[in-house]
Amino acid sequence: KHKMSPKLSPKKSIEGLFGGIIGAGLLGLLYGLFLKSHIPPTSLILLK
């Protein structure tokens, strides 16, 4: 509903910005479920 940069990219929204950031983080977390068995043990790997 709220335009992020109306003159430069009118279709992009602030809601989309945060959705993309949180979504990318969740993708990283899901990828971590696969990754943790393929890299050296690291504490809090999913959070990181």
ModelCIF file with pLDDT and N, C-alpha, C, O atoms, coordinates in Angstrom:
data_MODEL
#
_entry.id   MODEL 
#
_entity.id                         1 
_entity.type                       polymer 
_entity.pdbx_number_of_molecules   1 
#
_entity_poly.entity_id                      1 
_entity_poly.type                           'polypeptide(L)' 
_entity_poly.nstd_linkage                   no 
_entity_poly.nstd_monomer                   no 
_entity_poly.pdbx_seq_one_letter_code       KHKMSPKLSPKKSIEGLFGGIIGAGLLGLLYGLFLKSHIPPTSLILLK 
_entity_poly.pdbx_seq_one_letter_code_can   KHKMSPKLSPKKSIEGLFGGIIGAGLLGLLYGLFLKSHIPPTSLILLK 
_entity_poly.pdbx_strand_id                 A 
#
loop_
_entity_poly_seq.entity_id 
_entity_poly_seq.num 
_entity_poly_seq.mon_id 
_entity_poly_seq.hetero 
1 1  LYS n 
1 2  HIS n 
1 3  LYS n 
1 4  MET n 
1 5  SER n 
1 6  PRO n 
1 7  LYS n 
1 8  LEU n 
1 9  SER n 
1 10 PRO n 
1 11 LYS n 
1 12 LYS n 
1 13 SER n 
1 14 ILE n 
1 15 GLU n 
1 16 GLY n 
1 17 LEU n 
1 18 PHE n 
1 19 GLY n 
1 20 GLY n 
1 21 ILE n 
1 22 ILE n 
1 23 GLY n 
1 24 ALA n 
1 25 GLY n 
1 26 LEU n 
1 27 LEU n 
1 28 GLY n 
1 29 LEU n 
1 30 LEU n 
1 31 TYR n 
1 32 GLY n 
1 33 LEU n 
1 34 PHE n 
1 35 LEU n 
1 36 LYS n 
1 37 SER n 
1 38 HIS n 
1 39 ILE n 
1 40 PRO n 
1 41 PRO n 
1 42 THR n 
1 43 SER n 
1 44 LEU n 
1 45 ILE n 
1 46 LEU n 
1 47 LEU n 
1 48 LYS n 
#
_struct_asym.id          A 
_struct_asym.entity_id   1 
#
loop_
_ma_qa_metric.id 
_ma_qa_metric.mode 
_ma_qa_metric.name 
_ma_qa_metric.software_group_id 
_ma_qa_metric.type 
1 global pLDDT . pLDDT 
2 local  pLDDT . pLDDT 
#
_ma_qa_metric_global.metric_id      1 
_ma_qa_metric_global.metric_value   87.02 
_ma_qa_metric_global.model_id       1 
_ma_qa_metric_global.ordinal_id     1 
#
loop_
_ma_qa_metric_local.label_asym_id 
_ma_qa_metric_local.label_comp_id 
_ma_qa_metric_local.label_seq_id 
_ma_qa_metric_local.metric_id 
_ma_qa_metric_local.metric_value 
_ma_qa_metric_local.model_id 
_ma_qa_metric_local.ordinal_id 
A LYS 1  2 83.00 1 1  
A HIS 2  2 81.00 1 2  
A LYS 3  2 85.00 1 3  
A MET 4  2 84.00 1 4  
A SER 5  2 81.00 1 5  
A PRO 6  2 80.00 1 6  
A LYS 7  2 80.00 1 7  
A LEU 8  2 82.00 1 8  
A SER 9  2 81.00 1 9  
A PRO 10 2 80.00 1 10 
A LYS 11 2 81.00 1 11 
A LYS 12 2 85.00 1 12 
A SER 13 2 87.00 1 13 
A ILE 14 2 88.00 1 14 
A GLU 15 2 89.00 1 15 
A GLY 16 2 88.00 1 16 
A LEU 17 2 90.00 1 17 
A PHE 18 2 91.00 1 18 
A GLY 19 2 90.00 1 19 
A GLY 20 2 90.00 1 20 
A ILE 21 2 92.00 1 21 
A ILE 22 2 92.00 1 22 
A GLY 23 2 91.00 1 23 
A ALA 24 2 92.00 1 24 
A GLY 25 2 93.00 1 25 
A LEU 26 2 93.00 1 26 
A LEU 27 2 92.00 1 27 
A GLY 28 2 92.00 1 28 
A LEU 29 2 92.00 1 29 
A LEU 30 2 93.00 1 30 
A TYR 31 2 93.00 1 31 
A GLY 32 2 90.00 1 32 
A LEU 33 2 90.00 1 33 
A PHE 34 2 89.00 1 34 
A LEU 35 2 87.00 1 35 
A LYS 36 2 84.00 1 36 
A SER 37 2 82.00 1 37 
A HIS 38 2 83.00 1 38 
A ILE 39 2 85.00 1 39 
A PRO 40 2 82.00 1 40 
A PRO 41 2 79.00 1 41 
A THR 42 2 82.00 1 42 
A SER 43 2 83.00 1 43 
A LEU 44 2 86.00 1 44 
A ILE 45 2 89.00 1 45 
A LEU 46 2 91.00 1 46 
A LEU 47 2 92.00 1 47 
A LYS 48 2 92.00 1 48 
#
loop_
_atom_site.group_PDB 
_atom_site.id 
_atom_site.type_symbol 
_atom_site.label_atom_id 
_atom_site.label_alt_id 
_atom_site.label_comp_id 
_atom_site.label_asym_id 
_atom_site.label_entity_id 
_atom_site.label_seq_id 
_atom_site.pdbx_PDB_ins_code 
_atom_site.Cartn_x 
_atom_site.Cartn_y 
_atom_site.Cartn_z 
_atom_site.occupancy 
_atom_site.B_iso_or_equiv 
_atom_site.pdbx_formal_charge 
_atom_site.auth_seq_id 
_atom_site.auth_comp_id 
_atom_site.auth_asym_id 
_atom_site.auth_atom_id 
_atom_site.pdbx_PDB_model_num 
ATOM 1   N N  . LYS A 1 1  ? 0.817  -1.222  0.000   1.00 83.00 ? 1  LYS A N  1 
ATOM 2   C CA . LYS A 1 1  ? 0.000  0.000   0.000   1.00 83.00 ? 1  LYS A CA 1 
ATOM 3   C C  . LYS A 1 1  ? 0.849  1.269   0.000   1.00 83.00 ? 1  LYS A C  1 
ATOM 4   O O  . LYS A 1 1  ? 0.421  2.310   -0.499  1.00 83.00 ? 1  LYS A O  1 
ATOM 5   N N  . HIS A 1 2  ? 2.047  1.176   0.559   1.00 81.00 ? 2  HIS A N  1 
ATOM 6   C CA . HIS A 1 2  ? 2.897  2.360   0.701   1.00 81.00 ? 2  HIS A CA 1 
ATOM 7   C C  . HIS A 1 2  ? 4.075  2.278   -0.276  1.00 81.00 ? 2  HIS A C  1 
ATOM 8   O O  . HIS A 1 2  ? 4.892  1.361   -0.199  1.00 81.00 ? 2  HIS A O  1 
ATOM 9   N N  . LYS A 1 3  ? 4.149  3.234   -1.184  1.00 85.00 ? 3  LYS A N  1 
ATOM 10  C CA . LYS A 1 3  ? 5.188  3.238   -2.200  1.00 85.00 ? 3  LYS A CA 1 
ATOM 11  C C  . LYS A 1 3  ? 6.559  3.491   -1.566  1.00 85.00 ? 3  LYS A C  1 
ATOM 12  O O  . LYS A 1 3  ? 6.711  4.370   -0.717  1.00 85.00 ? 3  LYS A O  1 
ATOM 13  N N  . MET A 1 4  ? 7.546  2.710   -1.990  1.00 84.00 ? 4  MET A N  1 
ATOM 14  C CA . MET A 1 4  ? 8.890  2.861   -1.454  1.00 84.00 ? 4  MET A CA 1 
ATOM 15  C C  . MET A 1 4  ? 9.656  3.967   -2.188  1.00 84.00 ? 4  MET A C  1 
ATOM 16  O O  . MET A 1 4  ? 10.316 4.801   -1.568  1.00 84.00 ? 4  MET A O  1 
ATOM 17  N N  . SER A 1 5  ? 9.556  3.955   -3.499  1.00 81.00 ? 5  SER A N  1 
ATOM 18  C CA . SER A 1 5  ? 10.250 4.961   -4.312  1.00 81.00 ? 5  SER A CA 1 
ATOM 19  C C  . SER A 1 5  ? 9.370  5.280   -5.513  1.00 81.00 ? 5  SER A C  1 
ATOM 20  O O  . SER A 1 5  ? 9.622  4.795   -6.616  1.00 81.00 ? 5  SER A O  1 
ATOM 21  N N  . PRO A 1 6  ? 8.339  6.093   -5.304  1.00 80.00 ? 6  PRO A N  1 
ATOM 22  C CA . PRO A 1 6  ? 7.307  6.298   -6.335  1.00 80.00 ? 6  PRO A CA 1 
ATOM 23  C C  . PRO A 1 6  ? 7.820  6.831   -7.662  1.00 80.00 ? 6  PRO A C  1 
ATOM 24  O O  . PRO A 1 6  ? 7.273  6.484   -8.709  1.00 80.00 ? 6  PRO A O  1 
ATOM 25  N N  . LYS A 1 7  ? 8.843  7.656   -7.651  1.00 80.00 ? 7  LYS A N  1 
ATOM 26  C CA . LYS A 1 7  ? 9.350  8.219   -8.902  1.00 80.00 ? 7  LYS A CA 1 
ATOM 27  C C  . LYS A 1 7  ? 10.273 7.246   -9.632  1.00 80.00 ? 7  LYS A C  1 
ATOM 28  O O  . LYS A 1 7  ? 10.254 7.171   -10.860 1.00 80.00 ? 7  LYS A O  1 
ATOM 29  N N  . LEU A 1 8  ? 11.073 6.510   -8.881  1.00 82.00 ? 8  LEU A N  1 
ATOM 30  C CA . LEU A 1 8  ? 12.045 5.612   -9.492  1.00 82.00 ? 8  LEU A CA 1 
ATOM 31  C C  . LEU A 1 8  ? 11.441 4.258   -9.836  1.00 82.00 ? 8  LEU A C  1 
ATOM 32  O O  . LEU A 1 8  ? 11.655 3.738   -10.931 1.00 82.00 ? 8  LEU A O  1 
ATOM 33  N N  . SER A 1 9  ? 10.692 3.691   -8.905  1.00 81.00 ? 9  SER A N  1 
ATOM 34  C CA . SER A 1 9  ? 10.104 2.365   -9.123  1.00 81.00 ? 9  SER A CA 1 
ATOM 35  C C  . SER A 1 9  ? 8.716  2.324   -8.477  1.00 81.00 ? 9  SER A C  1 
ATOM 36  O O  . SER A 1 9  ? 8.567  1.834   -7.358  1.00 81.00 ? 9  SER A O  1 
ATOM 37  N N  . PRO A 1 10 ? 7.714  2.830   -9.171  1.00 80.00 ? 10 PRO A N  1 
ATOM 38  C CA . PRO A 1 10 ? 6.379  3.003   -8.586  1.00 80.00 ? 10 PRO A CA 1 
ATOM 39  C C  . PRO A 1 10 ? 5.706  1.704   -8.143  1.00 80.00 ? 10 PRO A C  1 
ATOM 40  O O  . PRO A 1 10 ? 4.788  1.743   -7.324  1.00 80.00 ? 10 PRO A O  1 
ATOM 41  N N  . LYS A 1 11 ? 6.142  0.561   -8.664  1.00 81.00 ? 11 LYS A N  1 
ATOM 42  C CA . LYS A 1 11 ? 5.506  -0.709  -8.304  1.00 81.00 ? 11 LYS A CA 1 
ATOM 43  C C  . LYS A 1 11 ? 6.057  -1.302  -7.007  1.00 81.00 ? 11 LYS A C  1 
ATOM 44  O O  . LYS A 1 11 ? 5.448  -2.210  -6.440  1.00 81.00 ? 11 LYS A O  1 
ATOM 45  N N  . LYS A 1 12 ? 7.186  -0.810  -6.536  1.00 85.00 ? 12 LYS A N  1 
ATOM 46  C CA . LYS A 1 12 ? 7.788  -1.351  -5.317  1.00 85.00 ? 12 LYS A CA 1 
ATOM 47  C C  . LYS A 1 12 ? 7.168  -0.683  -4.087  1.00 85.00 ? 12 LYS A C  1 
ATOM 48  O O  . LYS A 1 12 ? 6.955  0.529   -4.060  1.00 85.00 ? 12 LYS A O  1 
ATOM 49  N N  . SER A 1 13 ? 6.886  -1.501  -3.073  1.00 87.00 ? 13 SER A N  1 
ATOM 50  C CA . SER A 1 13 ? 6.253  -0.981  -1.857  1.00 87.00 ? 13 SER A CA 1 
ATOM 51  C C  . SER A 1 13 ? 7.111  -1.255  -0.632  1.00 87.00 ? 13 SER A C  1 
ATOM 52  O O  . SER A 1 13 ? 7.990  -2.117  -0.647  1.00 87.00 ? 13 SER A O  1 
ATOM 53  N N  . ILE A 1 14 ? 6.839  -0.505  0.428   1.00 88.00 ? 14 ILE A N  1 
ATOM 54  C CA . ILE A 1 14 ? 7.544  -0.719  1.692   1.00 88.00 ? 14 ILE A CA 1 
ATOM 55  C C  . ILE A 1 14 ? 7.209  -2.101  2.247   1.00 88.00 ? 14 ILE A C  1 
ATOM 56  O O  . ILE A 1 14 ? 8.070  -2.777  2.810   1.00 88.00 ? 14 ILE A O  1 
ATOM 57  N N  . GLU A 1 15 ? 5.957  -2.515  2.084   1.00 89.00 ? 15 GLU A N  1 
ATOM 58  C CA . GLU A 1 15 ? 5.565  -3.858  2.530   1.00 89.00 ? 15 GLU A CA 1 
ATOM 59  C C  . GLU A 1 15 ? 6.351  -4.926  1.777   1.00 89.00 ? 15 GLU A C  1 
ATOM 60  O O  . GLU A 1 15 ? 6.786  -5.921  2.357   1.00 89.00 ? 15 GLU A O  1 
ATOM 61  N N  . GLY A 1 16 ? 6.526  -4.701  0.475   1.00 88.00 ? 16 GLY A N  1 
ATOM 62  C CA . GLY A 1 16 ? 7.309  -5.632  -0.330  1.00 88.00 ? 16 GLY A CA 1 
ATOM 63  C C  . GLY A 1 16 ? 8.763  -5.661  0.095   1.00 88.00 ? 16 GLY A C  1 
ATOM 64  O O  . GLY A 1 16 ? 9.395  -6.717  0.097   1.00 88.00 ? 16 GLY A O  1 
ATOM 65  N N  . LEU A 1 17 ? 9.298  -4.495  0.458   1.00 90.00 ? 17 LEU A N  1 
ATOM 66  C CA . LEU A 1 17 ? 10.679 -4.407  0.925   1.00 90.00 ? 17 LEU A CA 1 
ATOM 67  C C  . LEU A 1 17 ? 10.896 -5.308  2.134   1.00 90.00 ? 17 LEU A C  1 
ATOM 68  O O  . LEU A 1 17 ? 11.816 -6.125  2.149   1.00 90.00 ? 17 LEU A O  1 
ATOM 69  N N  . PHE A 1 18 ? 10.050 -5.157  3.144   1.00 91.00 ? 18 PHE A N  1 
ATOM 70  C CA . PHE A 1 18 ? 10.205 -5.969  4.357   1.00 91.00 ? 18 PHE A CA 1 
ATOM 71  C C  . PHE A 1 18 ? 9.873  -7.435  4.095   1.00 91.00 ? 18 PHE A C  1 
ATOM 72  O O  . PHE A 1 18 ? 10.481 -8.332  4.681   1.00 91.00 ? 18 PHE A O  1 
ATOM 73  N N  . GLY A 1 19 ? 8.904  -7.670  3.211   1.00 90.00 ? 19 GLY A N  1 
ATOM 74  C CA . GLY A 1 19 ? 8.577  -9.054  2.857   1.00 90.00 ? 19 GLY A CA 1 
ATOM 75  C C  . GLY A 1 19 ? 9.740  -9.756  2.194   1.00 90.00 ? 19 GLY A C  1 
ATOM 76  O O  . GLY A 1 19 ? 10.003 -10.930 2.456   1.00 90.00 ? 19 GLY A O  1 
ATOM 77  N N  . GLY A 1 20 ? 10.449 -9.020  1.318   1.00 90.00 ? 20 GLY A N  1 
ATOM 78  C CA . GLY A 1 20 ? 11.602 -9.592  0.637   1.00 90.00 ? 20 GLY A CA 1 
ATOM 79  C C  . GLY A 1 20 ? 12.749 -9.865  1.581   1.00 90.00 ? 20 GLY A C  1 
ATOM 80  O O  . GLY A 1 20 ? 13.415 -10.896 1.478   1.00 90.00 ? 20 GLY A O  1 
ATOM 81  N N  . ILE A 1 21 ? 12.986 -8.940  2.507   1.00 92.00 ? 21 ILE A N  1 
ATOM 82  C CA . ILE A 1 21 ? 14.085 -9.105  3.469   1.00 92.00 ? 21 ILE A CA 1 
ATOM 83  C C  . ILE A 1 21 ? 13.819 -10.289 4.403   1.00 92.00 ? 21 ILE A C  1 
ATOM 84  O O  . ILE A 1 21 ? 14.685 -11.141 4.603   1.00 92.00 ? 21 ILE A O  1 
ATOM 85  N N  . ILE A 1 22 ? 12.608 -10.329 4.972   1.00 92.00 ? 22 ILE A N  1 
ATOM 86  C CA . ILE A 1 22 ? 12.263 -11.431 5.878   1.00 92.00 ? 22 ILE A CA 1 
ATOM 87  C C  . ILE A 1 22 ? 12.193 -12.747 5.105   1.00 92.00 ? 22 ILE A C  1 
ATOM 88  O O  . ILE A 1 22 ? 12.621 -13.789 5.600   1.00 92.00 ? 22 ILE A O  1 
ATOM 89  N N  . GLY A 1 23 ? 11.647 -12.688 3.881   1.00 91.00 ? 23 GLY A N  1 
ATOM 90  C CA . GLY A 1 23 ? 11.569 -13.891 3.054   1.00 91.00 ? 23 GLY A CA 1 
ATOM 91  C C  . GLY A 1 23 ? 12.935 -14.449 2.720   1.00 91.00 ? 23 GLY A C  1 
ATOM 92  O O  . GLY A 1 23 ? 13.142 -15.662 2.756   1.00 91.00 ? 23 GLY A O  1 
ATOM 93  N N  . ALA A 1 24 ? 13.881 -13.560 2.392   1.00 92.00 ? 24 ALA A N  1 
ATOM 94  C CA . ALA A 1 24 ? 15.244 -14.006 2.100   1.00 92.00 ? 24 ALA A CA 1 
ATOM 95  C C  . ALA A 1 24 ? 15.868 -14.656 3.334   1.00 92.00 ? 24 ALA A C  1 
ATOM 96  O O  . ALA A 1 24 ? 16.574 -15.659 3.231   1.00 92.00 ? 24 ALA A O  1 
ATOM 97  N N  . GLY A 1 25 ? 15.597 -14.070 4.503   1.00 93.00 ? 25 GLY A N  1 
ATOM 98  C CA . GLY A 1 25 ? 16.098 -14.652 5.745   1.00 93.00 ? 25 GLY A CA 1 
ATOM 99  C C  . GLY A 1 25 ? 15.534 -16.045 5.978   1.00 93.00 ? 25 GLY A C  1 
ATOM 100 O O  . GLY A 1 25 ? 16.260 -16.947 6.394   1.00 93.00 ? 25 GLY A O  1 
ATOM 101 N N  . LEU A 1 26 ? 14.245 -16.226 5.712   1.00 93.00 ? 26 LEU A N  1 
ATOM 102 C CA . LEU A 1 26 ? 13.614 -17.534 5.883   1.00 93.00 ? 26 LEU A CA 1 
ATOM 103 C C  . LEU A 1 26 ? 14.162 -18.549 4.881   1.00 93.00 ? 26 LEU A C  1 
ATOM 104 O O  . LEU A 1 26 ? 14.328 -19.723 5.211   1.00 93.00 ? 26 LEU A O  1 
ATOM 105 N N  . LEU A 1 27 ? 14.443 -18.096 3.658   1.00 92.00 ? 27 LEU A N  1 
ATOM 106 C CA . LEU A 1 27 ? 15.058 -18.985 2.679   1.00 92.00 ? 27 LEU A CA 1 
ATOM 107 C C  . LEU A 1 27 ? 16.439 -19.425 3.160   1.00 92.00 ? 27 LEU A C  1 
ATOM 108 O O  . LEU A 1 27 ? 16.818 -20.586 3.003   1.00 92.00 ? 27 LEU A O  1 
ATOM 109 N N  . GLY A 1 28 ? 17.187 -18.486 3.747   1.00 92.00 ? 28 GLY A N  1 
ATOM 110 C CA . GLY A 1 28 ? 18.494 -18.827 4.306   1.00 92.00 ? 28 GLY A CA 1 
ATOM 111 C C  . GLY A 1 28 ? 18.376 -19.839 5.423   1.00 92.00 ? 28 GLY A C  1 
ATOM 112 O O  . GLY A 1 28 ? 19.181 -20.765 5.523   1.00 92.00 ? 28 GLY A O  1 
ATOM 113 N N  . LEU A 1 29 ? 17.359 -19.662 6.270   1.00 92.00 ? 29 LEU A N  1 
ATOM 114 C CA . LEU A 1 29 ? 17.128 -20.594 7.379   1.00 92.00 ? 29 LEU A CA 1 
ATOM 115 C C  . LEU A 1 29 ? 16.791 -21.986 6.846   1.00 92.00 ? 29 LEU A C  1 
ATOM 116 O O  . LEU A 1 29 ? 17.331 -22.980 7.332   1.00 92.00 ? 29 LEU A O  1 
ATOM 117 N N  . LEU A 1 30 ? 15.910 -22.066 5.859   1.00 93.00 ? 30 LEU A N  1 
ATOM 118 C CA . LEU A 1 30 ? 15.547 -23.356 5.276   1.00 93.00 ? 30 LEU A CA 1 
ATOM 119 C C  . LEU A 1 30 ? 16.747 -24.011 4.593   1.00 93.00 ? 30 LEU A C  1 
ATOM 120 O O  . LEU A 1 30 ? 16.954 -25.220 4.697   1.00 93.00 ? 30 LEU A O  1 
ATOM 121 N N  . TYR A 1 31 ? 17.526 -23.196 3.897   1.00 93.00 ? 31 TYR A N  1 
ATOM 122 C CA . TYR A 1 31 ? 18.732 -23.725 3.248   1.00 93.00 ? 31 TYR A CA 1 
ATOM 123 C C  . TYR A 1 31 ? 19.712 -24.249 4.297   1.00 93.00 ? 31 TYR A C  1 
ATOM 124 O O  . TYR A 1 31 ? 20.452 -25.201 4.050   1.00 93.00 ? 31 TYR A O  1 
ATOM 125 N N  . GLY A 1 32 ? 19.705 -23.614 5.470   1.00 90.00 ? 32 GLY A N  1 
ATOM 126 C CA . GLY A 1 32 ? 20.585 -24.036 6.558   1.00 90.00 ? 32 GLY A CA 1 
ATOM 127 C C  . GLY A 1 32 ? 20.292 -25.446 7.035   1.00 90.00 ? 32 GLY A C  1 
ATOM 128 O O  . GLY A 1 32 ? 21.195 -26.148 7.490   1.00 90.00 ? 32 GLY A O  1 
ATOM 129 N N  . LEU A 1 33 ? 19.022 -25.873 6.935   1.00 90.00 ? 33 LEU A N  1 
ATOM 130 C CA . LEU A 1 33 ? 18.672 -27.243 7.321   1.00 90.00 ? 33 LEU A CA 1 
ATOM 131 C C  . LEU A 1 33 ? 19.419 -28.259 6.464   1.00 90.00 ? 33 LEU A C  1 
ATOM 132 O O  . LEU A 1 33 ? 19.809 -29.326 6.939   1.00 90.00 ? 33 LEU A O  1 
ATOM 133 N N  . PHE A 1 34 ? 19.612 -27.909 5.187   1.00 89.00 ? 34 PHE A N  1 
ATOM 134 C CA . PHE A 1 34 ? 20.399 -28.750 4.289   1.00 89.00 ? 34 PHE A CA 1 
ATOM 135 C C  . PHE A 1 34 ? 21.895 -28.522 4.488   1.00 89.00 ? 34 PHE A C  1 
ATOM 136 O O  . PHE A 1 34 ? 22.693 -29.459 4.465   1.00 89.00 ? 34 PHE A O  1 
ATOM 137 N N  . LEU A 1 35 ? 22.257 -27.244 4.685   1.00 87.00 ? 35 LEU A N  1 
ATOM 138 C CA . LEU A 1 35 ? 23.664 -26.864 4.703   1.00 87.00 ? 35 LEU A CA 1 
ATOM 139 C C  . LEU A 1 35 ? 24.421 -27.394 5.916   1.00 87.00 ? 35 LEU A C  1 
ATOM 140 O O  . LEU A 1 35 ? 25.607 -27.708 5.808   1.00 87.00 ? 35 LEU A O  1 
ATOM 141 N N  . LYS A 1 36 ? 23.764 -27.499 7.060   1.00 84.00 ? 36 LYS A N  1 
ATOM 142 C CA . LYS A 1 36 ? 24.479 -27.831 8.291   1.00 84.00 ? 36 LYS A CA 1 
ATOM 143 C C  . LYS A 1 36 ? 25.101 -29.224 8.272   1.00 84.00 ? 36 LYS A C  1 
ATOM 144 O O  . LYS A 1 36 ? 25.989 -29.517 9.073   1.00 84.00 ? 36 LYS A O  1 
ATOM 145 N N  . SER A 1 37 ? 24.643 -30.082 7.366   1.00 82.00 ? 37 SER A N  1 
ATOM 146 C CA . SER A 1 37 ? 25.249 -31.407 7.252   1.00 82.00 ? 37 SER A CA 1 
ATOM 147 C C  . SER A 1 37 ? 26.341 -31.455 6.186   1.00 82.00 ? 37 SER A C  1 
ATOM 148 O O  . SER A 1 37 ? 26.911 -32.516 5.928   1.00 82.00 ? 37 SER A O  1 
ATOM 149 N N  . HIS A 1 38 ? 26.635 -30.308 5.563   1.00 83.00 ? 38 HIS A N  1 
ATOM 150 C CA . HIS A 1 38 ? 27.627 -30.263 4.488   1.00 83.00 ? 38 HIS A CA 1 
ATOM 151 C C  . HIS A 1 38 ? 28.774 -29.292 4.756   1.00 83.00 ? 38 HIS A C  1 
ATOM 152 O O  . HIS A 1 38 ? 29.696 -29.186 3.946   1.00 83.00 ? 38 HIS A O  1 
ATOM 153 N N  . ILE A 1 39 ? 28.726 -28.591 5.872   1.00 85.00 ? 39 ILE A N  1 
ATOM 154 C CA . ILE A 1 39 ? 29.820 -27.685 6.228   1.00 85.00 ? 39 ILE A CA 1 
ATOM 155 C C  . ILE A 1 39 ? 30.289 -28.019 7.635   1.00 85.00 ? 39 ILE A C  1 
ATOM 156 O O  . ILE A 1 39 ? 29.573 -28.694 8.375   1.00 85.00 ? 39 ILE A O  1 
ATOM 157 N N  . PRO A 1 40 ? 31.486 -27.559 8.024   1.00 82.00 ? 40 PRO A N  1 
ATOM 158 C CA . PRO A 1 40 ? 31.975 -27.823 9.378   1.00 82.00 ? 40 PRO A CA 1 
ATOM 159 C C  . PRO A 1 40 ? 30.974 -27.349 10.426  1.00 82.00 ? 40 PRO A C  1 
ATOM 160 O O  . PRO A 1 40 ? 30.318 -26.326 10.232  1.00 82.00 ? 40 PRO A O  1 
ATOM 161 N N  . PRO A 1 41 ? 30.848 -28.083 11.540  1.00 79.00 ? 41 PRO A N  1 
ATOM 162 C CA . PRO A 1 41 ? 29.873 -27.715 12.583  1.00 79.00 ? 41 PRO A CA 1 
ATOM 163 C C  . PRO A 1 41 ? 30.033 -26.267 13.037  1.00 79.00 ? 41 PRO A C  1 
ATOM 164 O O  . PRO A 1 41 ? 31.140 -25.818 13.334  1.00 79.00 ? 41 PRO A O  1 
ATOM 165 N N  . THR A 1 42 ? 28.932 -25.554 13.086  1.00 82.00 ? 42 THR A N  1 
ATOM 166 C CA . THR A 1 42 ? 28.917 -24.152 13.495  1.00 82.00 ? 42 THR A CA 1 
ATOM 167 C C  . THR A 1 42 ? 27.736 -23.940 14.433  1.00 82.00 ? 42 THR A C  1 
ATOM 168 O O  . THR A 1 42 ? 26.615 -24.348 14.131  1.00 82.00 ? 42 THR A O  1 
ATOM 169 N N  . SER A 1 43 ? 27.987 -23.307 15.559  1.00 83.00 ? 43 SER A N  1 
ATOM 170 C CA . SER A 1 43 ? 26.911 -23.066 16.523  1.00 83.00 ? 43 SER A CA 1 
ATOM 171 C C  . SER A 1 43 ? 25.910 -22.056 15.966  1.00 83.00 ? 43 SER A C  1 
ATOM 172 O O  . SER A 1 43 ? 26.286 -21.108 15.278  1.00 83.00 ? 43 SER A O  1 
ATOM 173 N N  . LEU A 1 44 ? 24.653 -22.270 16.268  1.00 86.00 ? 44 LEU A N  1 
ATOM 174 C CA . LEU A 1 44 ? 23.569 -21.370 15.856  1.00 86.00 ? 44 LEU A CA 1 
ATOM 175 C C  . LEU A 1 44 ? 23.551 -21.129 14.353  1.00 86.00 ? 44 LEU A C  1 
ATOM 176 O O  . LEU A 1 44 ? 23.277 -20.015 13.907  1.00 86.00 ? 44 LEU A O  1 
ATOM 177 N N  . ILE A 1 45 ? 23.840 -22.164 13.570  1.00 89.00 ? 45 ILE A N  1 
ATOM 178 C CA . ILE A 1 45 ? 23.964 -22.015 12.122  1.00 89.00 ? 45 ILE A CA 1 
ATOM 179 C C  . ILE A 1 45 ? 22.676 -21.492 11.488  1.00 89.00 ? 45 ILE A C  1 
ATOM 180 O O  . ILE A 1 45 ? 22.731 -20.658 10.585  1.00 89.00 ? 45 ILE A O  1 
ATOM 181 N N  . LEU A 1 46 ? 21.520 -21.969 11.947  1.00 91.00 ? 46 LEU A N  1 
ATOM 182 C CA . LEU A 1 46 ? 20.257 -21.534 11.346  1.00 91.00 ? 46 LEU A CA 1 
ATOM 183 C C  . LEU A 1 46 ? 19.992 -20.057 11.615  1.00 91.00 ? 46 LEU A C  1 
ATOM 184 O O  . LEU A 1 46 ? 19.569 -19.329 10.717  1.00 91.00 ? 46 LEU A O  1 
ATOM 185 N N  . LEU A 1 47 ? 20.235 -19.615 12.835  1.00 92.00 ? 47 LEU A N  1 
ATOM 186 C CA . LEU A 1 47 ? 20.058 -18.201 13.167  1.00 92.00 ? 47 LEU A CA 1 
ATOM 187 C C  . LEU A 1 47 ? 21.022 -17.339 12.377  1.00 92.00 ? 47 LEU A C  1 
ATOM 188 O O  . LEU A 1 47 ? 20.645 -16.280 11.875  1.00 92.00 ? 47 LEU A O  1 
ATOM 189 N N  . LYS A 1 48 ? 22.268 -17.787 12.264  1.00 92.00 ? 48 LYS A N  1 
ATOM 190 C CA . LYS A 1 48 ? 23.276 -17.010 11.541  1.00 92.00 ? 48 LYS A CA 1 
ATOM 191 C C  . LYS A 1 48 ? 22.904 -16.873 10.064  1.00 92.00 ? 48 LYS A C  1 
ATOM 192 O O  . LYS A 1 48 ? 23.639 -16.250 9.298   1.00 92.00 ? 48 LYS A O  1 
#
